[in-house]
Amino acid sequence: MLNERIKELRTERNITQVTLAKELSVSKQSVSNWENDNIQPSIDMLIKIAEFFSVSTDYLLGLDNKKYIEITGLSEVKVAHIQQIIDDMRETV
């Protein structure tokens, strides 16, 4: 599950394994090995991956399916606008 989640998040954001590796200060081979389920990232790296993609470690591990949007630093008005957009999108599904 972890390997699938990492690859899914990376491809959803349209970034390469090389780019992700640079962002996390690891080799491209490490990212490839994670995605191919050859090795698992360390706990510290799991946290870095979660922070980079703005998801929980539980999400990465497949323990929950919730995704989050980082809104720290936004005004209450902007947060309300984002919430309204999300609500509108849910109604059209």
N, C-alpha and C. Protein backbone atom coordinates (compact mmCIF):
# COMPACT_ATOMS: atom_id res chain seq x y z
N MET A 1 0.82 -1.19 0.00
CA MET A 1 0.00 0.00 0.00
C MET A 1 0.87 1.27 0.00
N LEU A 2 1.92 1.29 0.84
CA LEU A 2 2.78 2.47 0.93
C LEU A 2 3.39 2.80 -0.42
N ASN A 3 3.90 1.79 -1.10
CA ASN A 3 4.51 2.03 -2.41
C ASN A 3 3.51 2.63 -3.39
N GLU A 4 2.29 2.14 -3.36
CA GLU A 4 1.25 2.66 -4.27
C GLU A 4 0.89 4.10 -3.93
N ARG A 5 0.80 4.39 -2.64
CA ARG A 5 0.44 5.75 -2.22
C ARG A 5 1.52 6.76 -2.62
N ILE A 6 2.78 6.40 -2.44
CA ILE A 6 3.86 7.32 -2.81
C ILE A 6 3.81 7.60 -4.31
N LYS A 7 3.68 6.55 -5.10
CA LYS A 7 3.64 6.73 -6.55
C LYS A 7 2.41 7.52 -6.97
N GLU A 8 1.27 7.22 -6.37
CA GLU A 8 0.03 7.93 -6.68
C GLU A 8 0.16 9.43 -6.39
N LEU A 9 0.66 9.76 -5.22
CA LEU A 9 0.81 11.16 -4.85
C LEU A 9 1.80 11.87 -5.76
N ARG A 10 2.88 11.20 -6.09
CA ARG A 10 3.89 11.80 -6.97
C ARG A 10 3.32 12.05 -8.36
N THR A 11 2.63 11.07 -8.91
CA THR A 11 2.10 11.24 -10.27
C THR A 11 0.94 12.22 -10.31
N GLU A 12 0.13 12.27 -9.24
CA GLU A 12 -0.96 13.25 -9.18
C GLU A 12 -0.42 14.68 -9.26
N ARG A 13 0.76 14.88 -8.70
CA ARG A 13 1.37 16.21 -8.70
C ARG A 13 2.29 16.42 -9.91
N ASN A 14 2.32 15.40 -10.76
CA ASN A 14 3.09 15.47 -12.00
C ASN A 14 4.57 15.79 -11.75
N ILE A 15 5.16 15.11 -10.77
CA ILE A 15 6.58 15.28 -10.52
C ILE A 15 7.30 13.95 -10.75
N THR A 16 8.54 14.04 -11.15
CA THR A 16 9.32 12.85 -11.45
C THR A 16 9.92 12.27 -10.16
N GLN A 17 10.41 11.06 -10.28
CA GLN A 17 11.12 10.46 -9.16
C GLN A 17 12.36 11.28 -8.82
N VAL A 18 13.01 11.83 -9.83
CA VAL A 18 14.20 12.66 -9.60
C VAL A 18 13.84 13.90 -8.79
N THR A 19 12.75 14.55 -9.16
CA THR A 19 12.32 15.75 -8.44
C THR A 19 11.98 15.43 -7.00
N LEU A 20 11.23 14.35 -6.79
CA LEU A 20 10.88 13.96 -5.43
C LEU A 20 12.13 13.63 -4.63
N ALA A 21 13.05 12.94 -5.24
CA ALA A 21 14.30 12.59 -4.56
C ALA A 21 15.05 13.86 -4.12
N LYS A 22 15.12 14.84 -4.99
CA LYS A 22 15.80 16.10 -4.64
C LYS A 22 15.09 16.79 -3.49
N GLU A 23 13.77 16.82 -3.53
CA GLU A 23 12.99 17.49 -2.47
C GLU A 23 13.20 16.81 -1.12
N LEU A 24 13.41 15.50 -1.13
CA LEU A 24 13.56 14.74 0.11
C LEU A 24 15.02 14.48 0.47
N SER A 25 15.94 14.96 -0.39
CA SER A 25 17.38 14.77 -0.18
C SER A 25 17.78 13.29 -0.12
N VAL A 26 17.22 12.52 -1.06
CA VAL A 26 17.58 11.12 -1.21
C VAL A 26 17.91 10.87 -2.68
N SER A 27 18.35 9.68 -2.99
CA SER A 27 18.65 9.33 -4.38
C SER A 27 17.37 8.97 -5.13
N LYS A 28 17.44 9.08 -6.44
CA LYS A 28 16.32 8.67 -7.28
C LYS A 28 16.08 7.18 -7.10
N GLN A 29 17.16 6.44 -6.87
CA GLN A 29 17.05 4.99 -6.65
C GLN A 29 16.22 4.67 -5.40
N SER A 30 16.34 5.51 -4.36
CA SER A 30 15.54 5.30 -3.15
C SER A 30 14.06 5.42 -3.46
N VAL A 31 13.70 6.47 -4.20
CA VAL A 31 12.29 6.67 -4.56
C VAL A 31 11.81 5.51 -5.41
N SER A 32 12.62 5.10 -6.37
CA SER A 32 12.26 3.96 -7.22
C SER A 32 12.05 2.70 -6.38
N ASN A 33 12.95 2.46 -5.44
CA ASN A 33 12.83 1.27 -4.59
C ASN A 33 11.57 1.32 -3.72
N TRP A 34 11.23 2.51 -3.21
CA TRP A 34 9.99 2.63 -2.43
C TRP A 34 8.79 2.28 -3.29
N GLU A 35 8.75 2.88 -4.50
CA GLU A 35 7.60 2.70 -5.37
C GLU A 35 7.48 1.26 -5.89
N ASN A 36 8.60 0.58 -6.01
CA ASN A 36 8.58 -0.81 -6.48
C ASN A 36 8.50 -1.80 -5.33
N ASP A 37 8.32 -1.27 -4.12
CA ASP A 37 8.17 -2.09 -2.91
C ASP A 37 9.37 -2.98 -2.64
N ASN A 38 10.56 -2.48 -3.03
CA ASN A 38 11.80 -3.21 -2.75
C ASN A 38 12.31 -2.92 -1.35
N ILE A 39 12.14 -1.67 -0.92
CA ILE A 39 12.53 -1.26 0.43
C ILE A 39 11.47 -0.30 0.96
N GLN A 40 11.47 -0.12 2.28
CA GLN A 40 10.54 0.82 2.92
C GLN A 40 11.33 2.03 3.41
N PRO A 41 10.76 3.21 3.33
CA PRO A 41 11.46 4.37 3.88
C PRO A 41 11.53 4.26 5.41
N SER A 42 12.54 4.90 5.99
CA SER A 42 12.65 4.93 7.45
C SER A 42 11.47 5.71 8.03
N ILE A 43 11.29 5.61 9.32
CA ILE A 43 10.21 6.36 9.97
C ILE A 43 10.40 7.85 9.77
N ASP A 44 11.64 8.33 9.93
CA ASP A 44 11.91 9.75 9.71
C ASP A 44 11.57 10.16 8.28
N MET A 45 11.92 9.31 7.31
CA MET A 45 11.63 9.63 5.92
C MET A 45 10.13 9.55 5.64
N LEU A 46 9.45 8.62 6.28
CA LEU A 46 8.00 8.52 6.13
C LEU A 46 7.34 9.84 6.55
N ILE A 47 7.82 10.42 7.63
CA ILE A 47 7.30 11.70 8.10
C ILE A 47 7.59 12.81 7.08
N LYS A 48 8.81 12.81 6.52
CA LYS A 48 9.16 13.82 5.50
C LYS A 48 8.27 13.69 4.27
N ILE A 49 8.02 12.46 3.85
CA ILE A 49 7.17 12.21 2.68
C ILE A 49 5.75 12.72 2.97
N ALA A 50 5.23 12.41 4.14
CA ALA A 50 3.89 12.87 4.52
C ALA A 50 3.83 14.40 4.53
N GLU A 51 4.83 15.03 5.10
CA GLU A 51 4.86 16.50 5.14
C GLU A 51 4.95 17.08 3.73
N PHE A 52 5.78 16.48 2.88
CA PHE A 52 5.94 16.99 1.52
C PHE A 52 4.62 16.95 0.75
N PHE A 53 3.88 15.85 0.91
CA PHE A 53 2.63 15.69 0.17
C PHE A 53 1.41 16.21 0.94
N SER A 54 1.62 16.74 2.15
CA SER A 54 0.52 17.25 2.99
C SER A 54 -0.55 16.19 3.24
N VAL A 55 -0.07 15.01 3.61
CA VAL A 55 -0.96 13.92 4.00
C VAL A 55 -0.47 13.38 5.34
N SER A 56 -1.28 12.56 5.97
CA SER A 56 -0.86 11.95 7.23
C SER A 56 -0.05 10.68 6.95
N THR A 57 0.72 10.28 7.93
CA THR A 57 1.43 9.00 7.80
C THR A 57 0.42 7.86 7.74
N ASP A 58 -0.71 8.01 8.42
CA ASP A 58 -1.77 6.99 8.33
C ASP A 58 -2.25 6.84 6.89
N TYR A 59 -2.39 7.96 6.19
CA TYR A 59 -2.81 7.90 4.79
C TYR A 59 -1.76 7.13 3.97
N LEU A 60 -0.49 7.47 4.15
CA LEU A 60 0.56 6.78 3.40
C LEU A 60 0.56 5.29 3.67
N LEU A 61 0.29 4.91 4.90
CA LEU A 61 0.30 3.50 5.28
C LEU A 61 -1.00 2.77 4.97
N GLY A 62 -1.98 3.50 4.45
CA GLY A 62 -3.25 2.88 4.09
C GLY A 62 -4.19 2.67 5.26
N LEU A 63 -3.92 3.35 6.38
CA LEU A 63 -4.77 3.19 7.56
C LEU A 63 -5.98 4.10 7.52
N ASP A 64 -5.92 5.15 6.71
CA ASP A 64 -7.10 5.98 6.46
C ASP A 64 -7.01 6.56 5.06
N ASN A 65 -8.12 7.03 4.55
CA ASN A 65 -8.17 7.55 3.18
C ASN A 65 -8.40 9.05 3.12
N LYS A 66 -8.25 9.73 4.25
CA LYS A 66 -8.50 11.16 4.29
C LYS A 66 -7.30 11.92 3.73
N LYS A 67 -7.60 12.92 2.90
CA LYS A 67 -6.58 13.83 2.41
C LYS A 67 -6.86 15.20 3.02
N TYR A 68 -5.81 15.94 3.24
CA TYR A 68 -5.93 17.24 3.89
C TYR A 68 -5.36 18.34 3.01
N ILE A 69 -5.84 19.55 3.24
CA ILE A 69 -5.31 20.72 2.56
C ILE A 69 -4.70 21.62 3.61
N GLU A 70 -3.45 22.00 3.41
CA GLU A 70 -2.75 22.86 4.35
C GLU A 70 -3.26 24.29 4.20
N ILE A 71 -3.85 24.82 5.26
CA ILE A 71 -4.43 26.16 5.21
C ILE A 71 -3.78 27.12 6.20
N THR A 72 -2.72 26.66 6.85
CA THR A 72 -2.04 27.50 7.82
C THR A 72 -1.61 28.81 7.17
N GLY A 73 -1.90 29.91 7.85
CA GLY A 73 -1.51 31.22 7.34
C GLY A 73 -2.56 31.91 6.50
N LEU A 74 -3.62 31.18 6.15
CA LEU A 74 -4.70 31.81 5.37
C LEU A 74 -5.69 32.48 6.32
N SER A 75 -6.29 33.54 5.86
CA SER A 75 -7.30 34.23 6.67
C SER A 75 -8.56 33.37 6.76
N GLU A 76 -9.38 33.67 7.74
CA GLU A 76 -10.64 32.94 7.90
C GLU A 76 -11.53 33.10 6.67
N VAL A 77 -11.48 34.25 6.03
CA VAL A 77 -12.27 34.49 4.82
C VAL A 77 -11.81 33.54 3.71
N LYS A 78 -10.49 33.42 3.53
CA LYS A 78 -9.96 32.52 2.49
C LYS A 78 -10.29 31.07 2.79
N VAL A 79 -10.20 30.69 4.05
CA VAL A 79 -10.55 29.33 4.45
C VAL A 79 -12.02 29.06 4.14
N ALA A 80 -12.87 30.02 4.43
CA ALA A 80 -14.30 29.87 4.14
C ALA A 80 -14.53 29.72 2.63
N HIS A 81 -13.78 30.46 1.82
CA HIS A 81 -13.93 30.34 0.36
C HIS A 81 -13.52 28.94 -0.10
N ILE A 82 -12.42 28.45 0.43
CA ILE A 82 -11.97 27.11 0.07
C ILE A 82 -13.01 26.07 0.47
N GLN A 83 -13.56 26.21 1.67
CA GLN A 83 -14.57 25.27 2.14
C GLN A 83 -15.80 25.31 1.24
N GLN A 84 -16.19 26.50 0.80
CA GLN A 84 -17.34 26.63 -0.09
C GLN A 84 -17.08 25.93 -1.43
N ILE A 85 -15.89 26.08 -1.96
CA ILE A 85 -15.53 25.41 -3.21
C ILE A 85 -15.61 23.89 -3.03
N ILE A 86 -15.08 23.39 -1.93
CA ILE A 86 -15.13 21.95 -1.66
C ILE A 86 -16.58 21.48 -1.54
N ASP A 87 -17.39 22.23 -0.81
CA ASP A 87 -18.80 21.86 -0.65
C ASP A 87 -19.50 21.84 -2.00
N ASP A 88 -19.25 22.84 -2.84
CA ASP A 88 -19.86 22.90 -4.17
C ASP A 88 -19.44 21.70 -5.03
N MET A 89 -18.18 21.32 -4.94
CA MET A 89 -17.70 20.18 -5.72
C MET A 89 -18.33 18.88 -5.25
N ARG A 90 -18.52 18.73 -3.97
CA ARG A 90 -19.15 17.52 -3.45
C ARG A 90 -20.60 17.41 -3.90
N GLU A 91 -21.29 18.53 -4.03
CA GLU A 91 -22.69 18.51 -4.46
C GLU A 91 -22.84 18.11 -5.91
N THR A 92 -21.81 18.35 -6.73
CA THR A 92 -21.90 18.05 -8.15
C THR A 92 -21.46 16.63 -8.48
N VAL A 93 -20.98 15.90 -7.50
CA VAL A 93 -20.51 14.53 -7.74
C VAL A 93 -21.65 13.58 -7.82
